Amino acid sequence: MWWLIESADPTITIGVETWLNTAVYDSEIFPSQYQVYRNDRHDGYGGVIIVVKDSVISDPVDFAPSSETVFVRILRDNNQPPLIVCAAYRRPSSSSDYMDTLCKDIGPTSRSSVL
């Protein structure tokens, strides 16, 4: 992952199925000029991540704890509203209830509280 990030030099990277856990430090897999936002699954599988270059002002958004998601607010120039970036994963074995919960979590009522 480190080589890919250094060679492509992306501003934002989004990933799913990270298989990371608390024993793996951000600095082990990402260069220091990136801010890492991740939601690791407790069983060591799955997991989602958003990686943002330090030159971009970003902060985590915490409003969908029932979903396997991570949300990040990206501040933009010229008084434009912030950009909300999301990484979401739905396990193949999940029921349709999971998608209903995810849609409810990111619906218009939830979004207005983070902007």
PDB file of N, CA and C in Angstrom:
ATOM      1  N   MET A   1       0.834  -1.183   0.000  1.00  0.00           N
ATOM      2  CA  MET A   1       0.000   0.000   0.000  1.00  0.00           C
ATOM      3  C   MET A   1       0.884   1.254   0.000  1.00  0.00           C
ATOM      4  N   TRP A   2       1.934   1.240   0.818  1.00  0.00           N
ATOM      5  CA  TRP A   2       2.820   2.398   0.935  1.00  0.00           C
ATOM      6  C   TRP A   2       3.360   2.798  -0.432  1.00  0.00           C
ATOM      7  N   TRP A   3       3.868   1.831  -1.192  1.00  0.00           N
ATOM      8  CA  TRP A   3       4.439   2.114  -2.505  1.00  0.00           C
ATOM      9  C   TRP A   3       3.394   2.722  -3.436  1.00  0.00           C
ATOM     10  N   LEU A   4       2.201   2.176  -3.428  1.00  0.00           N
ATOM     11  CA  LEU A   4       1.134   2.675  -4.295  1.00  0.00           C
ATOM     12  C   LEU A   4       0.776   4.117  -3.955  1.00  0.00           C
ATOM     13  N   ILE A   5       0.674   4.434  -2.683  1.00  0.00           N
ATOM     14  CA  ILE A   5       0.336   5.796  -2.261  1.00  0.00           C
ATOM     15  C   ILE A   5       1.463   6.759  -2.630  1.00  0.00           C
ATOM     16  N   GLU A   6       2.710   6.372  -2.370  1.00  0.00           N
ATOM     17  CA  GLU A   6       3.824   7.270  -2.695  1.00  0.00           C
ATOM     18  C   GLU A   6       3.963   7.485  -4.198  1.00  0.00           C
ATOM     19  N   SER A   7       3.730   6.481  -4.996  1.00  0.00           N
ATOM     20  CA  SER A   7       3.901   6.641  -6.444  1.00  0.00           C
ATOM     21  C   SER A   7       2.733   7.383  -7.082  1.00  0.00           C
ATOM     22  N   ALA A   8       1.512   7.177  -6.615  1.00  0.00           N
ATOM     23  CA  ALA A   8       0.339   7.843  -7.191  1.00  0.00           C
ATOM     24  C   ALA A   8       0.106   9.221  -6.565  1.00  0.00           C
ATOM     25  N   ASP A   9       0.543   9.421  -5.324  1.00  0.00           N
ATOM     26  CA  ASP A   9       0.387  10.685  -4.595  1.00  0.00           C
ATOM     27  C   ASP A   9      -1.060  11.192  -4.599  1.00  0.00           C
ATOM     28  N   PRO A  10      -2.035  10.344  -4.198  1.00  0.00           N
ATOM     29  CA  PRO A  10      -3.436  10.764  -4.216  1.00  0.00           C
ATOM     30  C   PRO A  10      -3.744  11.757  -3.109  1.00  0.00           C
ATOM     31  N   THR A  11      -4.764  12.553  -3.317  1.00  0.00           N
ATOM     32  CA  THR A  11      -5.229  13.467  -2.282  1.00  0.00           C
ATOM     33  C   THR A  11      -6.106  12.713  -1.288  1.00  0.00           C
ATOM     34  N   ILE A  12      -6.998  11.873  -1.810  1.00  0.00           N
ATOM     35  CA  ILE A  12      -7.893  11.072  -0.972  1.00  0.00           C
ATOM     36  C   ILE A  12      -7.882   9.625  -1.483  1.00  0.00           C
ATOM     37  N   THR A  13      -7.798   8.686  -0.565  1.00  0.00           N
ATOM     38  CA  THR A  13      -7.871   7.265  -0.895  1.00  0.00           C
ATOM     39  C   THR A  13      -8.961   6.640  -0.032  1.00  0.00           C
ATOM     40  N   ILE A  14      -9.804   5.824  -0.653  1.00  0.00           N
ATOM     41  CA  ILE A  14     -10.886   5.154   0.057  1.00  0.00           C
ATOM     42  C   ILE A  14     -10.711   3.652  -0.123  1.00  0.00           C
ATOM     43  N   GLY A  15     -10.857   2.894   0.960  1.00  0.00           N
ATOM     44  CA  GLY A  15     -10.701   1.451   0.864  1.00  0.00           C
ATOM     45  C   GLY A  15     -11.678   0.694   1.737  1.00  0.00           C
ATOM     46  N   VAL A  16     -11.962  -0.532   1.319  1.00  0.00           N
ATOM     47  CA  VAL A  16     -12.786  -1.452   2.103  1.00  0.00           C
ATOM     48  C   VAL A  16     -12.056  -2.780   2.180  1.00  0.00           C
ATOM     49  N   GLU A  17     -12.525  -3.664   3.045  1.00  0.00           N
ATOM     50  CA  GLU A  17     -11.878  -4.964   3.254  1.00  0.00           C
ATOM     51  C   GLU A  17     -10.407  -4.781   3.640  1.00  0.00           C
ATOM     52  N   THR A  18     -10.160  -3.887   4.587  1.00  0.00           N
ATOM     53  CA  THR A  18      -8.787  -3.574   4.981  1.00  0.00           C
ATOM     54  C   THR A  18      -8.138  -4.678   5.816  1.00  0.00           C
ATOM     55  N   TRP A  19      -8.926  -5.401   6.564  1.00  0.00           N
ATOM     56  CA  TRP A  19      -8.459  -6.459   7.458  1.00  0.00           C
ATOM     57  C   TRP A  19      -7.444  -5.927   8.479  1.00  0.00           C
ATOM     58  N   LEU A  20      -7.601  -4.674   8.872  1.00  0.00           N
ATOM     59  CA  LEU A  20      -6.715  -4.089   9.874  1.00  0.00           C
ATOM     60  C   LEU A  20      -7.320  -4.257  11.261  1.00  0.00           C
ATOM     61  N   ASN A  21      -6.476  -4.116  12.273  1.00  0.00           N
ATOM     62  CA  ASN A  21      -6.932  -4.154  13.654  1.00  0.00           C
ATOM     63  C   ASN A  21      -6.070  -3.211  14.473  1.00  0.00           C
ATOM     64  N   THR A  22      -6.340  -3.111  15.755  1.00  0.00           N
ATOM     65  CA  THR A  22      -5.635  -2.147  16.601  1.00  0.00           C
ATOM     66  C   THR A  22      -4.146  -2.437  16.744  1.00  0.00           C
ATOM     67  N   ALA A  23      -3.705  -3.636  16.394  1.00  0.00           N
ATOM     68  CA  ALA A  23      -2.281  -3.969  16.469  1.00  0.00           C
ATOM     69  C   ALA A  23      -1.492  -3.396  15.285  1.00  0.00           C
ATOM     70  N   VAL A  24      -2.186  -2.918  14.274  1.00  0.00           N
ATOM     71  CA  VAL A  24      -1.537  -2.345  13.085  1.00  0.00           C
ATOM     72  C   VAL A  24      -1.647  -0.822  13.175  1.00  0.00           C
ATOM     73  N   TYR A  25      -0.496  -0.163  13.225  1.00  0.00           N
ATOM     74  CA  TYR A  25      -0.466   1.301  13.319  1.00  0.00           C
ATOM     75  C   TYR A  25      -0.558   1.925  11.929  1.00  0.00           C
ATOM     76  N   ASP A  26      -1.193   3.086  11.852  1.00  0.00           N
ATOM     77  CA  ASP A  26      -1.315   3.810  10.579  1.00  0.00           C
ATOM     78  C   ASP A  26       0.044   4.021   9.936  1.00  0.00           C
ATOM     79  N   SER A  27       1.044   4.351  10.757  1.00  0.00           N
ATOM     80  CA  SER A  27       2.385   4.645  10.238  1.00  0.00           C
ATOM     81  C   SER A  27       3.069   3.425   9.608  1.00  0.00           C
ATOM     82  N   GLU A  28       2.558   2.242   9.876  1.00  0.00           N
ATOM     83  CA  GLU A  28       3.128   1.038   9.273  1.00  0.00           C
ATOM     84  C   GLU A  28       2.705   0.867   7.816  1.00  0.00           C
ATOM     85  N   ILE A  29       1.600   1.477   7.445  1.00  0.00           N
ATOM     86  CA  ILE A  29       1.083   1.248   6.094  1.00  0.00           C
ATOM     87  C   ILE A  29       0.886   2.512   5.264  1.00  0.00           C
ATOM     88  N   PHE A  30       0.959   3.692   5.889  1.00  0.00           N
ATOM     89  CA  PHE A  30       0.775   4.939   5.156  1.00  0.00           C
ATOM     90  C   PHE A  30       1.888   5.925   5.458  1.00  0.00           C
ATOM     91  N   PRO A  31       2.333   6.680   4.451  1.00  0.00           N
ATOM     92  CA  PRO A  31       3.356   7.707   4.683  1.00  0.00           C
ATOM     93  C   PRO A  31       2.861   8.757   5.679  1.00  0.00           C
ATOM     94  N   SER A  32       3.794   9.431   6.324  1.00  0.00           N
ATOM     95  CA  SER A  32       3.456  10.371   7.400  1.00  0.00           C
ATOM     96  C   SER A  32       2.685  11.597   6.932  1.00  0.00           C
ATOM     97  N   GLN A  33       2.683  11.922   5.639  1.00  0.00           N
ATOM     98  CA  GLN A  33       1.978  13.117   5.173  1.00  0.00           C
ATOM     99  C   GLN A  33       0.491  12.875   4.913  1.00  0.00           C
ATOM    100  N   TYR A  34      -0.051  11.794   5.478  1.00  0.00           N
ATOM    101  CA  TYR A  34      -1.471  11.484   5.323  1.00  0.00           C
ATOM    102  C   TYR A  34      -2.141  11.326   6.675  1.00  0.00           C
ATOM    103  N   GLN A  35      -3.395  11.769   6.737  1.00  0.00           N
ATOM    104  CA  GLN A  35      -4.247  11.556   7.910  1.00  0.00           C
ATOM    105  C   GLN A  35      -5.101  10.325   7.612  1.00  0.00           C
ATOM    106  N   VAL A  36      -5.147   9.392   8.539  1.00  0.00           N
ATOM    107  CA  VAL A  36      -5.848   8.135   8.318  1.00  0.00           C
ATOM    108  C   VAL A  36      -7.084   8.060   9.211  1.00  0.00           C
ATOM    109  N   TYR A  37      -8.210   7.760   8.595  1.00  0.00           N
ATOM    110  CA  TYR A  37      -9.481   7.575   9.303  1.00  0.00           C
ATOM    111  C   TYR A  37      -9.938   6.154   9.006  1.00  0.00           C
ATOM    112  N   ARG A  38     -10.090   5.344  10.024  1.00  0.00           N
ATOM    113  CA  ARG A  38     -10.461   3.959   9.766  1.00  0.00           C
ATOM    114  C   ARG A  38     -11.453   3.439  10.787  1.00  0.00           C
ATOM    115  N   ASN A  39     -12.183   2.434  10.348  1.00  0.00           N
ATOM    116  CA  ASN A  39     -13.128   1.734  11.198  1.00  0.00           C
ATOM    117  C   ASN A  39     -12.841   0.247  11.014  1.00  0.00           C
ATOM    118  N   ASP A  40     -12.077  -0.310  11.939  1.00  0.00           N
ATOM    119  CA  ASP A  40     -11.695  -1.718  11.862  1.00  0.00           C
ATOM    120  C   ASP A  40     -12.808  -2.577  12.457  1.00  0.00           C
ATOM    121  N   ARG A  41     -13.044  -3.696  11.845  1.00  0.00           N
ATOM    122  CA  ARG A  41     -14.023  -4.631  12.391  1.00  0.00           C
ATOM    123  C   ARG A  41     -13.363  -5.414  13.509  1.00  0.00           C
ATOM    124  N   HIS A  42     -14.102  -5.726  14.546  1.00  0.00           N
ATOM    125  CA  HIS A  42     -13.543  -6.394  15.725  1.00  0.00           C
ATOM    126  C   HIS A  42     -13.063  -7.812  15.458  1.00  0.00           C
ATOM    127  N   ASP A  43     -13.607  -8.460  14.420  1.00  0.00           N
ATOM    128  CA  ASP A  43     -13.186  -9.836  14.146  1.00  0.00           C
ATOM    129  C   ASP A  43     -11.939  -9.908  13.265  1.00  0.00           C
ATOM    130  N   GLY A  44     -11.372  -8.746  12.885  1.00  0.00           N
ATOM    131  CA  GLY A  44     -10.140  -8.730  12.094  1.00  0.00           C
ATOM    132  C   GLY A  44     -10.344  -8.795  10.598  1.00  0.00           C
ATOM    133  N   TYR A  45     -11.560  -8.994  10.166  1.00  0.00           N
ATOM    134  CA  TYR A  45     -11.852  -9.013   8.733  1.00  0.00           C
ATOM    135  C   TYR A  45     -12.459  -7.665   8.346  1.00  0.00           C
ATOM    136  N   GLY A  46     -12.887  -7.528   7.107  1.00  0.00           N
ATOM    137  CA  GLY A  46     -13.596  -6.314   6.688  1.00  0.00           C
ATOM    138  C   GLY A  46     -12.831  -5.058   7.022  1.00  0.00           C
ATOM    139  N   GLY A  47     -13.561  -4.045   7.434  1.00  0.00           N
ATOM    140  CA  GLY A  47     -12.974  -2.762   7.784  1.00  0.00           C
ATOM    141  C   GLY A  47     -12.990  -1.790   6.631  1.00  0.00           C
ATOM    142  N   VAL A  48     -13.088  -0.503   6.969  1.00  0.00           N
ATOM    143  CA  VAL A  48     -13.107   0.565   5.967  1.00  0.00           C
ATOM    144  C   VAL A  48     -12.116   1.648   6.361  1.00  0.00           C
ATOM    145  N   ILE A  49     -11.663   2.402   5.345  1.00  0.00           N
ATOM    146  CA  ILE A  49     -10.626   3.410   5.594  1.00  0.00           C
ATOM    147  C   ILE A  49     -10.740   4.552   4.598  1.00  0.00           C
ATOM    148  N   ILE A  50     -10.433   5.751   5.064  1.00  0.00           N
ATOM    149  CA  ILE A  50     -10.258   6.922   4.209  1.00  0.00           C
ATOM    150  C   ILE A  50      -8.926   7.547   4.603  1.00  0.00           C
ATOM    151  N   VAL A  51      -8.097   7.816   3.611  1.00  0.00           N
ATOM    152  CA  VAL A  51      -6.779   8.393   3.843  1.00  0.00           C
ATOM    153  C   VAL A  51      -6.731   9.726   3.096  1.00  0.00           C
ATOM    154  N   VAL A  52      -6.395  10.813   3.821  1.00  0.00           N
ATOM    155  CA  VAL A  52      -6.433  12.161   3.256  1.00  0.00           C
ATOM    156  C   VAL A  52      -5.074  12.825   3.431  1.00  0.00           C
ATOM    157  N   LYS A  53      -4.583  13.424   2.365  1.00  0.00           N
ATOM    158  CA  LYS A  53      -3.305  14.121   2.406  1.00  0.00           C
ATOM    159  C   LYS A  53      -3.369  15.260   3.432  1.00  0.00           C
ATOM    160  N   ASP A  54      -2.282  15.462   4.177  1.00  0.00           N
ATOM    161  CA  ASP A  54      -2.237  16.499   5.221  1.00  0.00           C
ATOM    162  C   ASP A  54      -2.462  17.914   4.697  1.00  0.00           C
ATOM    163  N   SER A  55      -2.229  18.144   3.416  1.00  0.00           N
ATOM    164  CA  SER A  55      -2.430  19.481   2.855  1.00  0.00           C
ATOM    165  C   SER A  55      -3.908  19.836   2.743  1.00  0.00           C
ATOM    166  N   VAL A  56      -4.786  18.879   2.964  1.00  0.00           N
ATOM    167  CA  VAL A  56      -6.232  19.088   2.926  1.00  0.00           C
ATOM    168  C   VAL A  56      -6.744  19.115   4.362  1.00  0.00           C
ATOM    169  N   ILE A  57      -7.582  20.086   4.671  1.00  0.00           N
ATOM    170  CA  ILE A  57      -8.151  20.168   6.017  1.00  0.00           C
ATOM    171  C   ILE A  57      -9.304  19.173   6.106  1.00  0.00           C
ATOM    172  N   SER A  58      -9.171  18.224   7.036  1.00  0.00           N
ATOM    173  CA  SER A  58     -10.188  17.183   7.177  1.00  0.00           C
ATOM    174  C   SER A  58     -10.381  16.836   8.642  1.00  0.00           C
ATOM    175  N   ASP A  59     -11.548  16.290   8.938  1.00  0.00           N
ATOM    176  CA  ASP A  59     -11.799  15.799  10.282  1.00  0.00           C
ATOM    177  C   ASP A  59     -12.850  14.696  10.206  1.00  0.00           C
ATOM    178  N   PRO A  60     -12.853  13.792  11.193  1.00  0.00           N
ATOM    179  CA  PRO A  60     -13.803  12.684  11.160  1.00  0.00           C
ATOM    180  C   PRO A  60     -15.216  13.158  11.464  1.00  0.00           C
ATOM    181  N   VAL A  61     -16.174  12.472  10.898  1.00  0.00           N
ATOM    182  CA  VAL A  61     -17.584  12.719  11.180  1.00  0.00           C
ATOM    183  C   VAL A  61     -18.120  11.447  11.815  1.00  0.00           C
ATOM    184  N   ASP A  62     -18.704  11.570  12.975  1.00  0.00           N
ATOM    185  CA  ASP A  62     -19.194  10.393  13.686  1.00  0.00           C
ATOM    186  C   ASP A  62     -20.709  10.481  13.804  1.00  0.00           C
ATOM    187  N   PHE A  63     -21.416   9.892  12.835  1.00  0.00           N
ATOM    188  CA  PHE A  63     -22.864   9.898  12.942  1.00  0.00           C
ATOM    189  C   PHE A  63     -23.529   8.630  12.436  1.00  0.00           C
ATOM    190  N   ALA A  64     -22.773   7.577  12.162  1.00  0.00           N
ATOM    191  CA  ALA A  64     -23.378   6.327  11.702  1.00  0.00           C
ATOM    192  C   ALA A  64     -22.715   5.119  12.365  1.00  0.00           C
ATOM    193  N   PRO A  65     -22.756   5.064  13.689  1.00  0.00           N
ATOM    194  CA  PRO A  65     -22.044   3.989  14.373  1.00  0.00           C
ATOM    195  C   PRO A  65     -22.621   2.597  14.134  1.00  0.00           C
ATOM    196  N   SER A  66     -23.852   2.483  13.654  1.00  0.00           N
ATOM    197  CA  SER A  66     -24.451   1.162  13.464  1.00  0.00           C
ATOM    198  C   SER A  66     -24.058   0.527  12.136  1.00  0.00           C
ATOM    199  N   SER A  67     -23.352   1.251  11.288  1.00  0.00           N
ATOM    200  CA  SER A  67     -22.949   0.742   9.980  1.00  0.00           C
ATOM    201  C   SER A  67     -21.433   0.568   9.932  1.00  0.00           C
ATOM    202  N   GLU A  68     -20.970  -0.303   9.047  1.00  0.00           N
ATOM    203  CA  GLU A  68     -19.523  -0.451   8.841  1.00  0.00           C
ATOM    204  C   GLU A  68     -19.097   0.644   7.873  1.00  0.00           C
ATOM    205  N   THR A  69     -18.880   1.833   8.439  1.00  0.00           N
ATOM    206  CA  THR A  69     -18.597   3.030   7.644  1.00  0.00           C
ATOM    207  C   THR A  69     -17.542   3.881   8.331  1.00  0.00           C
ATOM    208  N   VAL A  70     -16.999   4.791   7.574  1.00  0.00           N
ATOM    209  CA  VAL A  70     -16.192   5.877   8.108  1.00  0.00           C
ATOM    210  C   VAL A  70     -16.511   7.095   7.243  1.00  0.00           C
ATOM    211  N   PHE A  71     -16.745   8.230   7.893  1.00  0.00           N
ATOM    212  CA  PHE A  71     -17.081   9.478   7.211  1.00  0.00           C
ATOM    213  C   PHE A  71     -16.041  10.534   7.557  1.00  0.00           C
ATOM    214  N   VAL A  72     -15.681  11.346   6.572  1.00  0.00           N
ATOM    215  CA  VAL A  72     -14.707  12.418   6.770  1.00  0.00           C
ATOM    216  C   VAL A  72     -15.247  13.690   6.130  1.00  0.00           C
ATOM    217  N   ARG A  73     -15.101  14.792   6.860  1.00  0.00           N
ATOM    218  CA  ARG A  73     -15.482  16.112   6.341  1.00  0.00           C
ATOM    219  C   ARG A  73     -14.231  16.759   5.762  1.00  0.00           C
ATOM    220  N   ILE A  74     -14.323  17.196   4.499  1.00  0.00           N
ATOM    221  CA  ILE A  74     -13.235  17.878   3.810  1.00  0.00           C
ATOM    222  C   ILE A  74     -13.635  19.341   3.650  1.00  0.00           C
ATOM    223  N   LEU A  75     -12.851  20.245   4.226  1.00  0.00           N
ATOM    224  CA  LEU A  75     -13.148  21.666   4.081  1.00  0.00           C
ATOM    225  C   LEU A  75     -12.639  22.151   2.732  1.00  0.00           C
ATOM    226  N   ARG A  76     -13.422  23.039   2.103  1.00  0.00           N
ATOM    227  CA  ARG A  76     -13.069  23.535   0.770  1.00  0.00           C
ATOM    228  C   ARG A  76     -12.908  25.051   0.801  1.00  0.00           C
ATOM    229  N   ASP A  77     -12.278  25.585  -0.244  1.00  0.00           N
ATOM    230  CA  ASP A  77     -12.046  27.028  -0.353  1.00  0.00           C
ATOM    231  C   ASP A  77     -13.309  27.776  -0.756  1.00  0.00           C
ATOM    232  N   ASN A  78     -13.223  29.101  -0.704  1.00  0.00           N
ATOM    233  CA  ASN A  78     -14.258  29.999  -1.211  1.00  0.00           C
ATOM    234  C   ASN A  78     -15.614  29.812  -0.557  1.00  0.00           C
ATOM    235  N   ASN A  79     -15.632  29.521   0.736  1.00  0.00           N
ATOM    236  CA  ASN A  79     -16.883  29.380   1.484  1.00  0.00           C
ATOM    237  C   ASN A  79     -17.833  28.341   0.911  1.00  0.00           C
ATOM    238  N   GLN A  80     -17.312  27.370   0.198  1.00  0.00           N
ATOM    239  CA  GLN A  80     -18.144  26.282  -0.296  1.00  0.00           C
ATOM    240  C   GLN A  80     -18.464  25.344   0.865  1.00  0.00           C
ATOM    241  N   PRO A  81     -19.621  24.703   0.834  1.00  0.00           N
ATOM    242  CA  PRO A  81     -19.928  23.761   1.915  1.00  0.00           C
ATOM    243  C   PRO A  81     -18.907  22.621   1.924  1.00  0.00           C
ATOM    244  N   PRO A  82     -18.691  22.016   3.083  1.00  0.00           N
ATOM    245  CA  PRO A  82     -17.717  20.926   3.150  1.00  0.00           C
ATOM    246  C   PRO A  82     -18.167  19.740   2.308  1.00  0.00           C
ATOM    247  N   LEU A  83     -17.206  18.958   1.910  1.00  0.00           N
ATOM    248  CA  LEU A  83     -17.455  17.719   1.183  1.00  0.00           C
ATOM    249  C   LEU A  83     -17.411  16.590   2.203  1.00  0.00           C
ATOM    250  N   ILE A  84     -18.444  15.766   2.244  1.00  0.00           N
ATOM    251  CA  ILE A  84     -18.463  14.619   3.136  1.00  0.00           C
ATOM    252  C   ILE A  84     -18.120  13.383   2.304  1.00  0.00           C
ATOM    253  N   VAL A  85     -17.043  12.697   2.689  1.00  0.00           N
ATOM    254  CA  VAL A  85     -16.576  11.507   1.989  1.00  0.00           C
ATOM    255  C   VAL A  85     -16.878  10.304   2.877  1.00  0.00           C
ATOM    256  N   CYS A  86     -17.357   9.223   2.262  1.00  0.00           N
ATOM    257  CA  CYS A  86     -17.727   8.043   3.028  1.00  0.00           C
ATOM    258  C   CYS A  86     -17.128   6.784   2.410  1.00  0.00           C
ATOM    259  N   ALA A  87     -16.655   5.901   3.258  1.00  0.00           N
ATOM    260  CA  ALA A  87     -16.310   4.534   2.860  1.00  0.00           C
ATOM    261  C   ALA A  87     -17.295   3.638   3.591  1.00  0.00           C
ATOM    262  N   ALA A  88     -17.991   2.811   2.847  1.00  0.00           N
ATOM    263  CA  ALA A  88     -19.000   1.928   3.446  1.00  0.00           C
ATOM    264  C   ALA A  88     -18.833   0.529   2.885  1.00  0.00           C
ATOM    265  N   TYR A  89     -19.090  -0.443   3.734  1.00  0.00           N
ATOM    266  CA  TYR A  89     -18.996  -1.833   3.305  1.00  0.00           C
ATOM    267  C   TYR A  89     -20.224  -2.584   3.785  1.00  0.00           C
ATOM    268  N   ARG A  90     -20.776  -3.380   2.899  1.00  0.00           N
ATOM    269  CA  ARG A  90     -21.894  -4.261   3.228  1.00  0.00           C
ATOM    270  C   ARG A  90     -21.439  -5.697   3.024  1.00  0.00           C
ATOM    271  N   ARG A  91     -21.438  -6.460   4.076  1.00  0.00           N
ATOM    272  CA  ARG A  91     -21.067  -7.873   3.975  1.00  0.00           C
ATOM    273  C   ARG A  91     -22.042  -8.586   3.035  1.00  0.00           C
ATOM    274  N   PRO A  92     -21.553  -9.486   2.206  1.00  0.00           N
ATOM    275  CA  PRO A  92     -22.458 -10.224   1.312  1.00  0.00           C
ATOM    276  C   PRO A  92     -23.561 -10.971   2.060  1.00  0.00           C
ATOM    277  N   SER A  93     -23.289 -11.367   3.285  1.00  0.00           N
ATOM    278  CA  SER A  93     -24.283 -12.109   4.069  1.00  0.00           C
ATOM    279  C   SER A  93     -25.281 -11.195   4.786  1.00  0.00           C
ATOM    280  N   SER A  94     -25.143  -9.877   4.642  1.00  0.00           N
ATOM    281  CA  SER A  94     -26.039  -8.948   5.334  1.00  0.00           C
ATOM    282  C   SER A  94     -27.450  -9.011   4.770  1.00  0.00           C
ATOM    283  N   SER A  95     -28.404  -8.779   5.643  1.00  0.00           N
ATOM    284  CA  SER A  95     -29.798  -8.739   5.206  1.00  0.00           C
ATOM    285  C   SER A  95     -30.110  -7.351   4.638  1.00  0.00           C
ATOM    286  N   SER A  96     -31.261  -7.209   4.055  1.00  0.00           N
ATOM    287  CA  SER A  96     -31.672  -5.901   3.523  1.00  0.00           C
ATOM    288  C   SER A  96     -31.850  -4.887   4.651  1.00  0.00           C
ATOM    289  N   ASP A  97     -32.045  -5.360   5.874  1.00  0.00           N
ATOM    290  CA  ASP A  97     -32.148  -4.453   7.019  1.00  0.00           C
ATOM    291  C   ASP A  97     -30.886  -3.613   7.186  1.00  0.00           C
ATOM    292  N   TYR A  98     -29.745  -4.206   6.867  1.00  0.00           N
ATOM    293  CA  TYR A  98     -28.484  -3.467   6.976  1.00  0.00           C
ATOM    294  C   TYR A  98     -28.506  -2.241   6.060  1.00  0.00           C
ATOM    295  N   MET A  99     -28.972  -2.426   4.825  1.00  0.00           N
ATOM    296  CA  MET A  99     -29.025  -1.303   3.882  1.00  0.00           C
ATOM    297  C   MET A  99     -30.041  -0.267   4.336  1.00  0.00           C
ATOM    298  N   ASP A 100     -31.149  -0.703   4.925  1.00  0.00           N
ATOM    299  CA  ASP A 100     -32.132   0.240   5.466  1.00  0.00           C
ATOM    300  C   ASP A 100     -31.499   1.082   6.562  1.00  0.00           C
ATOM    301  N   THR A 101     -30.713   0.448   7.420  1.00  0.00           N
ATOM    302  CA  THR A 101     -30.028   1.170   8.501  1.00  0.00           C
ATOM    303  C   THR A 101     -29.010   2.152   7.943  1.00  0.00           C
ATOM    304  N   LEU A 102     -28.242   1.714   6.960  1.00  0.00           N
ATOM    305  CA  LEU A 102     -27.250   2.590   6.347  1.00  0.00           C
ATOM    306  C   LEU A 102     -27.924   3.805   5.707  1.00  0.00           C
ATOM    307  N   CYS A 103     -28.987   3.578   4.967  1.00  0.00           N
ATOM    308  CA  CYS A 103     -29.709   4.690   4.327  1.00  0.00           C
ATOM    309  C   CYS A 103     -30.263   5.654   5.367  1.00  0.00           C
ATOM    310  N   LYS A 104     -30.759   5.123   6.474  1.00  0.00           N
ATOM    311  CA  LYS A 104     -31.270   5.972   7.544  1.00  0.00           C
ATOM    312  C   LYS A 104     -30.132   6.778   8.170  1.00  0.00           C
ATOM    313  N   ASP A 105     -28.963   6.115   8.355  1.00  0.00           N
ATOM    314  CA  ASP A 105     -27.803   6.781   8.951  1.00  0.00           C
ATOM    315  C   ASP A 105     -27.309   7.951   8.108  1.00  0.00           C
ATOM    316  N   ILE A 106     -27.361   7.822   6.787  1.00  0.00           N
ATOM    317  CA  ILE A 106     -26.814   8.870   5.936  1.00  0.00           C
ATOM    318  C   ILE A 106     -27.884   9.729   5.260  1.00  0.00           C
ATOM    319  N   GLY A 107     -29.123   9.572   5.690  1.00  0.00           N
ATOM    320  CA  GLY A 107     -30.232  10.336   5.112  1.00  0.00           C
ATOM    321  C   GLY A 107     -30.129  11.822   5.391  1.00  0.00           C
ATOM    322  N   PRO A 108     -31.025  12.602   4.790  1.00  0.00           N
ATOM    323  CA  PRO A 108     -30.987  14.073   4.906  1.00  0.00           C
ATOM    324  C   PRO A 108     -31.004  14.579   6.339  1.00  0.00           C
ATOM    325  N   THR A 109     -31.731  13.941   7.237  1.00  0.00           N
ATOM    326  CA  THR A 109     -31.792  14.397   8.627  1.00  0.00           C
ATOM    327  C   THR A 109     -30.437  14.254   9.299  1.00  0.00           C
ATOM    328  N   SER A 110     -29.748  13.141   9.070  1.00  0.00           N
ATOM    329  CA  SER A 110     -28.432  12.913   9.664  1.00  0.00           C
ATOM    330  C   SER A 110     -27.406  13.857   9.087  1.00  0.00           C
ATOM    331  N   ARG A 111     -27.431  14.047   7.759  1.00  0.00           N
ATOM    332  CA  ARG A 111     -26.426  14.872   7.099  1.00  0.00           C
ATOM    333  C   ARG A 111     -26.467  16.317   7.566  1.00  0.00           C
ATOM    334  N   SER A 112     -27.641  16.853   7.822  1.00  0.00           N
ATOM    335  CA  SER A 112     -27.713  18.266   8.175  1.00  0.00           C
ATOM    336  C   SER A 112     -26.974  18.571   9.462  1.00  0.00           C
ATOM    337  N   SER A 113     -26.812  17.602  10.341  1.00  0.00           N
ATOM    338  CA  SER A 113     -26.124  17.842  11.608  1.00  0.00           C
ATOM    339  C   SER A 113     -24.616  17.926  11.470  1.00  0.00           C
ATOM    340  N   VAL A 114     -24.044  17.488  10.334  1.00  0.00           N
ATOM    341  CA  VAL A 114     -22.589  17.499  10.188  1.00  0.00           C
ATOM    342  C   VAL A 114     -22.098  18.619   9.304  1.00  0.00           C
ATOM    343  N   LEU A 115     -22.982  19.290   8.598  1.00  0.00           N
ATOM    344  CA  LEU A 115     -22.547  20.368   7.702  1.00  0.00           C
ATOM    345  C   LEU A 115     -22.465  21.652   8.411  1.00  0.00           C
TER     346      LEU A 115
END
